[in-house]
Amino acid sequence: MSLKMQTEAKPKAGFFTVASAVFWSFLGIRRRQDYESDAASISLKQVVIAGIIGCIIFVGGVVVLVRVIMANIGTAA
């Protein structure tokens, strides 16, 4: 048997599927059914890349929020 016949071709998850799986995982809210379907279609490489991008967006958002709050502290009446 060839290698292709031994391994089943699992469907590739799309961008939004991976992004939503990582988002809900950040919050810690995942249904077992969703987890199992994601595990069948999302590769480890996709999860790592989406996780890194998600962290960058989260940290960037926190930094922007803190800068806006700090800039407006002196202007509060």
PDB file of N, CA and C in Angstrom:
ATOM      1  N   MET A   1       0.836  -1.185   0.000  1.00  0.00           N
ATOM      2  CA  MET A   1       0.000   0.000   0.000  1.00  0.00           C
ATOM      3  C   MET A   1       0.878   1.245   0.000  1.00  0.00           C
ATOM      4  N   SER A   2       0.415   2.232  -0.702  1.00  0.00           N
ATOM      5  CA  SER A   2       1.163   3.480  -0.711  1.00  0.00           C
ATOM      6  C   SER A   2       0.769   4.324   0.494  1.00  0.00           C
ATOM      7  N   LEU A   3       1.552   5.325   0.738  1.00  0.00           N
ATOM      8  CA  LEU A   3       1.299   6.194   1.891  1.00  0.00           C
ATOM      9  C   LEU A   3      -0.036   6.914   1.756  1.00  0.00           C
ATOM     10  N   LYS A   4      -0.403   7.276   0.550  1.00  0.00           N
ATOM     11  CA  LYS A   4      -1.669   7.977   0.337  1.00  0.00           C
ATOM     12  C   LYS A   4      -2.861   7.100   0.688  1.00  0.00           C
ATOM     13  N   MET A   5      -2.763   5.827   0.441  1.00  0.00           N
ATOM     14  CA  MET A   5      -3.873   4.930   0.733  1.00  0.00           C
ATOM     15  C   MET A   5      -3.983   4.638   2.221  1.00  0.00           C
ATOM     16  N   GLN A   6      -2.860   4.711   2.933  1.00  0.00           N
ATOM     17  CA  GLN A   6      -2.876   4.411   4.360  1.00  0.00           C
ATOM     18  C   GLN A   6      -3.492   5.545   5.174  1.00  0.00           C
ATOM     19  N   THR A   7      -3.239   6.765   4.764  1.00  0.00           N
ATOM     20  CA  THR A   7      -3.770   7.909   5.501  1.00  0.00           C
ATOM     21  C   THR A   7      -4.984   8.457   4.771  1.00  0.00           C
ATOM     22  N   GLU A   8      -6.006   8.736   5.527  1.00  0.00           N
ATOM     23  CA  GLU A   8      -7.199   9.316   4.940  1.00  0.00           C
ATOM     24  C   GLU A   8      -6.966  10.788   4.701  1.00  0.00           C
ATOM     25  N   ALA A   9      -7.512  11.300   3.632  1.00  0.00           N
ATOM     26  CA  ALA A   9      -7.394  12.719   3.337  1.00  0.00           C
ATOM     27  C   ALA A   9      -8.429  13.454   4.172  1.00  0.00           C
ATOM     28  N   LYS A  10      -7.964  14.124   5.211  1.00  0.00           N
ATOM     29  CA  LYS A  10      -8.908  14.859   6.052  1.00  0.00           C
ATOM     30  C   LYS A  10      -9.162  16.230   5.449  1.00  0.00           C
ATOM     31  N   PRO A  11     -10.363  16.737   5.577  1.00  0.00           N
ATOM     32  CA  PRO A  11     -10.687  18.032   4.972  1.00  0.00           C
ATOM     33  C   PRO A  11      -9.933  19.153   5.674  1.00  0.00           C
ATOM     34  N   LYS A  12      -9.477  20.107   4.879  1.00  0.00           N
ATOM     35  CA  LYS A  12      -8.765  21.258   5.427  1.00  0.00           C
ATOM     36  C   LYS A  12      -9.769  22.271   5.943  1.00  0.00           C
ATOM     37  N   ALA A  13      -9.490  22.788   7.110  1.00  0.00           N
ATOM     38  CA  ALA A  13     -10.368  23.807   7.689  1.00  0.00           C
ATOM     39  C   ALA A  13     -10.066  25.150   7.054  1.00  0.00           C
ATOM     40  N   GLY A  14     -11.090  25.964   6.912  1.00  0.00           N
ATOM     41  CA  GLY A  14     -10.935  27.292   6.350  1.00  0.00           C
ATOM     42  C   GLY A  14     -10.447  28.286   7.399  1.00  0.00           C
ATOM     43  N   PHE A  15     -10.157  29.481   6.944  1.00  0.00           N
ATOM     44  CA  PHE A  15      -9.630  30.535   7.815  1.00  0.00           C
ATOM     45  C   PHE A  15     -10.586  30.842   8.963  1.00  0.00           C
ATOM     46  N   PHE A  16     -11.863  31.010   8.658  1.00  0.00           N
ATOM     47  CA  PHE A  16     -12.829  31.388   9.690  1.00  0.00           C
ATOM     48  C   PHE A  16     -13.068  30.261  10.695  1.00  0.00           C
ATOM     49  N   THR A  17     -12.970  29.036  10.240  1.00  0.00           N
ATOM     50  CA  THR A  17     -13.107  27.893  11.145  1.00  0.00           C
ATOM     51  C   THR A  17     -11.965  27.875  12.150  1.00  0.00           C
ATOM     52  N   VAL A  18     -10.756  28.084  11.651  1.00  0.00           N
ATOM     53  CA  VAL A  18      -9.584  28.093  12.533  1.00  0.00           C
ATOM     54  C   VAL A  18      -9.643  29.293  13.467  1.00  0.00           C
ATOM     55  N   ALA A  19      -9.993  30.460  12.935  1.00  0.00           N
ATOM     56  CA  ALA A  19     -10.056  31.671  13.757  1.00  0.00           C
ATOM     57  C   ALA A  19     -11.096  31.537  14.865  1.00  0.00           C
ATOM     58  N   SER A  20     -12.255  30.992  14.538  1.00  0.00           N
ATOM     59  CA  SER A  20     -13.285  30.847  15.579  1.00  0.00           C
ATOM     60  C   SER A  20     -12.879  29.807  16.614  1.00  0.00           C
ATOM     61  N   ALA A  21     -12.227  28.741  16.200  1.00  0.00           N
ATOM     62  CA  ALA A  21     -11.774  27.723  17.153  1.00  0.00           C
ATOM     63  C   ALA A  21     -10.750  28.306  18.117  1.00  0.00           C
ATOM     64  N   VAL A  22      -9.825  29.101  17.603  1.00  0.00           N
ATOM     65  CA  VAL A  22      -8.808  29.712  18.461  1.00  0.00           C
ATOM     66  C   VAL A  22      -9.446  30.759  19.371  1.00  0.00           C
ATOM     67  N   PHE A  23     -10.375  31.550  18.847  1.00  0.00           N
ATOM     68  CA  PHE A  23     -11.052  32.565  19.662  1.00  0.00           C
ATOM     69  C   PHE A  23     -11.780  31.938  20.839  1.00  0.00           C
ATOM     70  N   TRP A  24     -12.593  30.915  20.564  1.00  0.00           N
ATOM     71  CA  TRP A  24     -13.336  30.269  21.642  1.00  0.00           C
ATOM     72  C   TRP A  24     -12.402  29.545  22.604  1.00  0.00           C
ATOM     73  N   SER A  25     -11.290  29.065  22.111  1.00  0.00           N
ATOM     74  CA  SER A  25     -10.323  28.415  22.994  1.00  0.00           C
ATOM     75  C   SER A  25      -9.650  29.436  23.909  1.00  0.00           C
ATOM     76  N   PHE A  26      -9.405  30.649  23.401  1.00  0.00           N
ATOM     77  CA  PHE A  26      -8.865  31.715  24.256  1.00  0.00           C
ATOM     78  C   PHE A  26      -9.807  31.988  25.416  1.00  0.00           C
ATOM     79  N   LEU A  27     -11.107  31.970  25.139  1.00  0.00           N
ATOM     80  CA  LEU A  27     -12.092  32.217  26.188  1.00  0.00           C
ATOM     81  C   LEU A  27     -12.300  31.004  27.087  1.00  0.00           C
ATOM     82  N   GLY A  28     -11.899  29.845  26.613  1.00  0.00           N
ATOM     83  CA  GLY A  28     -12.062  28.630  27.396  1.00  0.00           C
ATOM     84  C   GLY A  28     -13.441  28.018  27.269  1.00  0.00           C
ATOM     85  N   ILE A  29     -14.154  28.387  26.209  1.00  0.00           N
ATOM     86  CA  ILE A  29     -15.504  27.890  25.997  1.00  0.00           C
ATOM     87  C   ILE A  29     -15.510  27.055  24.722  1.00  0.00           C
ATOM     88  N   ARG A  30     -15.587  25.748  24.861  1.00  0.00           N
ATOM     89  CA  ARG A  30     -15.647  24.852  23.699  1.00  0.00           C
ATOM     90  C   ARG A  30     -16.567  23.698  24.021  1.00  0.00           C
ATOM     91  N   ARG A  31     -17.490  23.425  23.115  1.00  0.00           N
ATOM     92  CA  ARG A  31     -18.328  22.236  23.274  1.00  0.00           C
ATOM     93  C   ARG A  31     -17.540  21.030  22.780  1.00  0.00           C
ATOM     94  N   ARG A  32     -17.799  19.897  23.354  1.00  0.00           N
ATOM     95  CA  ARG A  32     -17.086  18.674  22.971  1.00  0.00           C
ATOM     96  C   ARG A  32     -17.281  18.365  21.486  1.00  0.00           C
ATOM     97  N   GLN A  33     -18.482  18.540  21.001  1.00  0.00           N
ATOM     98  CA  GLN A  33     -18.771  18.268  19.597  1.00  0.00           C
ATOM     99  C   GLN A  33     -17.956  19.194  18.681  1.00  0.00           C
ATOM    100  N   ASP A  34     -17.876  20.483  19.035  1.00  0.00           N
ATOM    101  CA  ASP A  34     -17.088  21.428  18.249  1.00  0.00           C
ATOM    102  C   ASP A  34     -15.610  21.068  18.290  1.00  0.00           C
ATOM    103  N   TYR A  35     -15.132  20.705  19.473  1.00  0.00           N
ATOM    104  CA  TYR A  35     -13.733  20.321  19.615  1.00  0.00           C
ATOM    105  C   TYR A  35     -13.401  19.124  18.726  1.00  0.00           C
ATOM    106  N   GLU A  36     -14.257  18.127  18.738  1.00  0.00           N
ATOM    107  CA  GLU A  36     -14.003  16.917  17.948  1.00  0.00           C
ATOM    108  C   GLU A  36     -14.033  17.200  16.454  1.00  0.00           C
ATOM    109  N   SER A  37     -14.954  18.038  16.011  1.00  0.00           N
ATOM    110  CA  SER A  37     -14.999  18.357  14.580  1.00  0.00           C
ATOM    111  C   SER A  37     -13.797  19.214  14.178  1.00  0.00           C
ATOM    112  N   ASP A  38     -13.372  20.124  15.062  1.00  0.00           N
ATOM    113  CA  ASP A  38     -12.187  20.934  14.773  1.00  0.00           C
ATOM    114  C   ASP A  38     -10.926  20.080  14.759  1.00  0.00           C
ATOM    115  N   ALA A  39     -10.833  19.145  15.689  1.00  0.00           N
ATOM    116  CA  ALA A  39      -9.650  18.283  15.754  1.00  0.00           C
ATOM    117  C   ALA A  39      -9.523  17.428  14.504  1.00  0.00           C
ATOM    118  N   ALA A  40     -10.639  17.126  13.871  1.00  0.00           N
ATOM    119  CA  ALA A  40     -10.610  16.308  12.660  1.00  0.00           C
ATOM    120  C   ALA A  40     -10.197  17.112  11.435  1.00  0.00           C
ATOM    121  N   SER A  41     -10.393  18.430  11.466  1.00  0.00           N
ATOM    122  CA  SER A  41     -10.129  19.210  10.253  1.00  0.00           C
ATOM    123  C   SER A  41      -9.011  20.243  10.376  1.00  0.00           C
ATOM    124  N   ILE A  42      -8.620  20.608  11.588  1.00  0.00           N
ATOM    125  CA  ILE A  42      -7.601  21.640  11.769  1.00  0.00           C
ATOM    126  C   ILE A  42      -6.267  20.982  12.078  1.00  0.00           C
ATOM    127  N   SER A  43      -5.230  21.428  11.373  1.00  0.00           N
ATOM    128  CA  SER A  43      -3.897  20.881  11.618  1.00  0.00           C
ATOM    129  C   SER A  43      -3.208  21.679  12.726  1.00  0.00           C
ATOM    130  N   LEU A  44      -2.189  21.089  13.296  1.00  0.00           N
ATOM    131  CA  LEU A  44      -1.435  21.749  14.366  1.00  0.00           C
ATOM    132  C   LEU A  44      -0.791  23.039  13.865  1.00  0.00           C
ATOM    133  N   LYS A  45      -0.313  23.014  12.644  1.00  0.00           N
ATOM    134  CA  LYS A  45       0.310  24.198  12.054  1.00  0.00           C
ATOM    135  C   LYS A  45      -0.680  25.359  11.990  1.00  0.00           C
ATOM    136  N   GLN A  46      -1.918  25.074  11.594  1.00  0.00           N
ATOM    137  CA  GLN A  46      -2.938  26.116  11.528  1.00  0.00           C
ATOM    138  C   GLN A  46      -3.243  26.687  12.908  1.00  0.00           C
ATOM    139  N   VAL A  47      -3.305  25.819  13.908  1.00  0.00           N
ATOM    140  CA  VAL A  47      -3.616  26.264  15.267  1.00  0.00           C
ATOM    141  C   VAL A  47      -2.503  27.151  15.809  1.00  0.00           C
ATOM    142  N   VAL A  48      -1.258  26.767  15.592  1.00  0.00           N
ATOM    143  CA  VAL A  48      -0.121  27.542  16.102  1.00  0.00           C
ATOM    144  C   VAL A  48      -0.087  28.916  15.446  1.00  0.00           C
ATOM    145  N   ILE A  49      -0.237  28.963  14.133  1.00  0.00           N
ATOM    146  CA  ILE A  49      -0.205  30.251  13.431  1.00  0.00           C
ATOM    147  C   ILE A  49      -1.370  31.131  13.866  1.00  0.00           C
ATOM    148  N   ALA A  50      -2.564  30.574  13.944  1.00  0.00           N
ATOM    149  CA  ALA A  50      -3.727  31.353  14.372  1.00  0.00           C
ATOM    150  C   ALA A  50      -3.587  31.809  15.827  1.00  0.00           C
ATOM    151  N   GLY A  51      -3.001  30.981  16.675  1.00  0.00           N
ATOM    152  CA  GLY A  51      -2.775  31.360  18.071  1.00  0.00           C
ATOM    153  C   GLY A  51      -1.806  32.522  18.203  1.00  0.00           C
ATOM    154  N   ILE A  52      -0.738  32.483  17.429  1.00  0.00           N
ATOM    155  CA  ILE A  52       0.242  33.578  17.465  1.00  0.00           C
ATOM    156  C   ILE A  52      -0.391  34.869  16.960  1.00  0.00           C
ATOM    157  N   ILE A  53      -1.138  34.789  15.860  1.00  0.00           N
ATOM    158  CA  ILE A  53      -1.818  35.979  15.332  1.00  0.00           C
ATOM    159  C   ILE A  53      -2.842  36.497  16.342  1.00  0.00           C
ATOM    160  N   GLY A  54      -3.586  35.596  16.968  1.00  0.00           N
ATOM    161  CA  GLY A  54      -4.555  36.003  17.980  1.00  0.00           C
ATOM    162  C   GLY A  54      -3.907  36.694  19.164  1.00  0.00           C
ATOM    163  N   CYS A  55      -2.772  36.181  19.607  1.00  0.00           N
ATOM    164  CA  CYS A  55      -2.042  36.812  20.720  1.00  0.00           C
ATOM    165  C   CYS A  55      -1.553  38.201  20.350  1.00  0.00           C
ATOM    166  N   ILE A  56      -1.042  38.342  19.134  1.00  0.00           N
ATOM    167  CA  ILE A  56      -0.561  39.657  18.687  1.00  0.00           C
ATOM    168  C   ILE A  56      -1.705  40.659  18.652  1.00  0.00           C
ATOM    169  N   ILE A  57      -2.859  40.237  18.135  1.00  0.00           N
ATOM    170  CA  ILE A  57      -4.023  41.127  18.086  1.00  0.00           C
ATOM    171  C   ILE A  57      -4.491  41.477  19.491  1.00  0.00           C
ATOM    172  N   PHE A  58      -4.537  40.493  20.390  1.00  0.00           N
ATOM    173  CA  PHE A  58      -4.979  40.738  21.763  1.00  0.00           C
ATOM    174  C   PHE A  58      -4.041  41.701  22.487  1.00  0.00           C
ATOM    175  N   VAL A  59      -2.755  41.451  22.417  1.00  0.00           N
ATOM    176  CA  VAL A  59      -1.780  42.315  23.095  1.00  0.00           C
ATOM    177  C   VAL A  59      -1.799  43.710  22.483  1.00  0.00           C
ATOM    178  N   GLY A  60      -1.887  43.800  21.166  1.00  0.00           N
ATOM    179  CA  GLY A  60      -1.977  45.112  20.513  1.00  0.00           C
ATOM    180  C   GLY A  60      -3.222  45.875  20.955  1.00  0.00           C
ATOM    181  N   GLY A  61      -4.339  45.181  21.071  1.00  0.00           N
ATOM    182  CA  GLY A  61      -5.565  45.829  21.529  1.00  0.00           C
ATOM    183  C   GLY A  61      -5.460  46.330  22.958  1.00  0.00           C
ATOM    184  N   VAL A  62      -4.830  45.544  23.828  1.00  0.00           N
ATOM    185  CA  VAL A  62      -4.646  45.974  25.218  1.00  0.00           C
ATOM    186  C   VAL A  62      -3.734  47.190  25.287  1.00  0.00           C
ATOM    187  N   VAL A  63      -2.665  47.195  24.503  1.00  0.00           N
ATOM    188  CA  VAL A  63      -1.736  48.333  24.496  1.00  0.00           C
ATOM    189  C   VAL A  63      -2.447  49.587  24.009  1.00  0.00           C
ATOM    190  N   VAL A  64      -3.227  49.478  22.937  1.00  0.00           N
ATOM    191  CA  VAL A  64      -3.966  50.641  22.421  1.00  0.00           C
ATOM    192  C   VAL A  64      -4.975  51.122  23.450  1.00  0.00           C
ATOM    193  N   LEU A  65      -5.696  50.216  24.088  1.00  0.00           N
ATOM    194  CA  LEU A  65      -6.671  50.593  25.109  1.00  0.00           C
ATOM    195  C   LEU A  65      -6.013  51.323  26.278  1.00  0.00           C
ATOM    196  N   VAL A  66      -4.889  50.829  26.746  1.00  0.00           N
ATOM    197  CA  VAL A  66      -4.186  51.476  27.856  1.00  0.00           C
ATOM    198  C   VAL A  66      -3.692  52.855  27.449  1.00  0.00           C
ATOM    199  N   ARG A  67      -3.171  52.982  26.229  1.00  0.00           N
ATOM    200  CA  ARG A  67      -2.693  54.307  25.782  1.00  0.00           C
ATOM    201  C   ARG A  67      -3.834  55.308  25.674  1.00  0.00           C
ATOM    202  N   VAL A  68      -4.998  54.868  25.182  1.00  0.00           N
ATOM    203  CA  VAL A  68      -6.141  55.767  25.080  1.00  0.00           C
ATOM    204  C   VAL A  68      -6.619  56.177  26.475  1.00  0.00           C
ATOM    205  N   ILE A  69      -6.680  55.253  27.399  1.00  0.00           N
ATOM    206  CA  ILE A  69      -7.100  55.571  28.762  1.00  0.00           C
ATOM    207  C   ILE A  69      -6.101  56.500  29.425  1.00  0.00           C
ATOM    208  N   MET A  70      -4.819  56.240  29.266  1.00  0.00           N
ATOM    209  CA  MET A  70      -3.792  57.089  29.890  1.00  0.00           C
ATOM    210  C   MET A  70      -3.798  58.487  29.283  1.00  0.00           C
ATOM    211  N   ALA A  71      -4.072  58.596  27.996  1.00  0.00           N
ATOM    212  CA  ALA A  71      -4.110  59.908  27.349  1.00  0.00           C
ATOM    213  C   ALA A  71      -5.316  60.724  27.799  1.00  0.00           C
ATOM    214  N   ASN A  72      -6.390  60.045  28.194  1.00  0.00           N
ATOM    215  CA  ASN A  72      -7.619  60.749  28.582  1.00  0.00           C
ATOM    216  C   ASN A  72      -7.751  60.947  30.084  1.00  0.00           C
ATOM    217  N   ILE A  73      -6.829  60.456  30.856  1.00  0.00           N
ATOM    218  CA  ILE A  73      -6.911  60.614  32.317  1.00  0.00           C
ATOM    219  C   ILE A  73      -6.817  62.080  32.711  1.00  0.00           C
ATOM    220  N   GLY A  74      -5.932  62.823  32.093  1.00  0.00           N
ATOM    221  CA  GLY A  74      -5.737  64.237  32.435  1.00  0.00           C
ATOM    222  C   GLY A  74      -6.870  65.124  31.952  1.00  0.00           C
ATOM    223  N   THR A  75      -7.649  64.660  30.980  1.00  0.00           N
ATOM    224  CA  THR A  75      -8.715  65.499  30.441  1.00  0.00           C
ATOM    225  C   THR A  75     -10.055  65.287  31.129  1.00  0.00           C
ATOM    226  N   ALA A  76     -10.120  64.344  32.064  1.00  0.00           N
ATOM    227  CA  ALA A  76     -11.392  64.079  32.757  1.00  0.00           C
ATOM    228  C   ALA A  76     -11.686  65.236  33.716  1.00  0.00           C
ATOM    229  N   ALA A  77     -12.955  65.600  33.785  1.00  0.00           N
ATOM    230  CA  ALA A  77     -13.338  66.753  34.628  1.00  0.00           C
ATOM    231  C   ALA A  77     -13.574  66.338  36.047  1.00  0.00           C
TER     232      ALA A  77
END
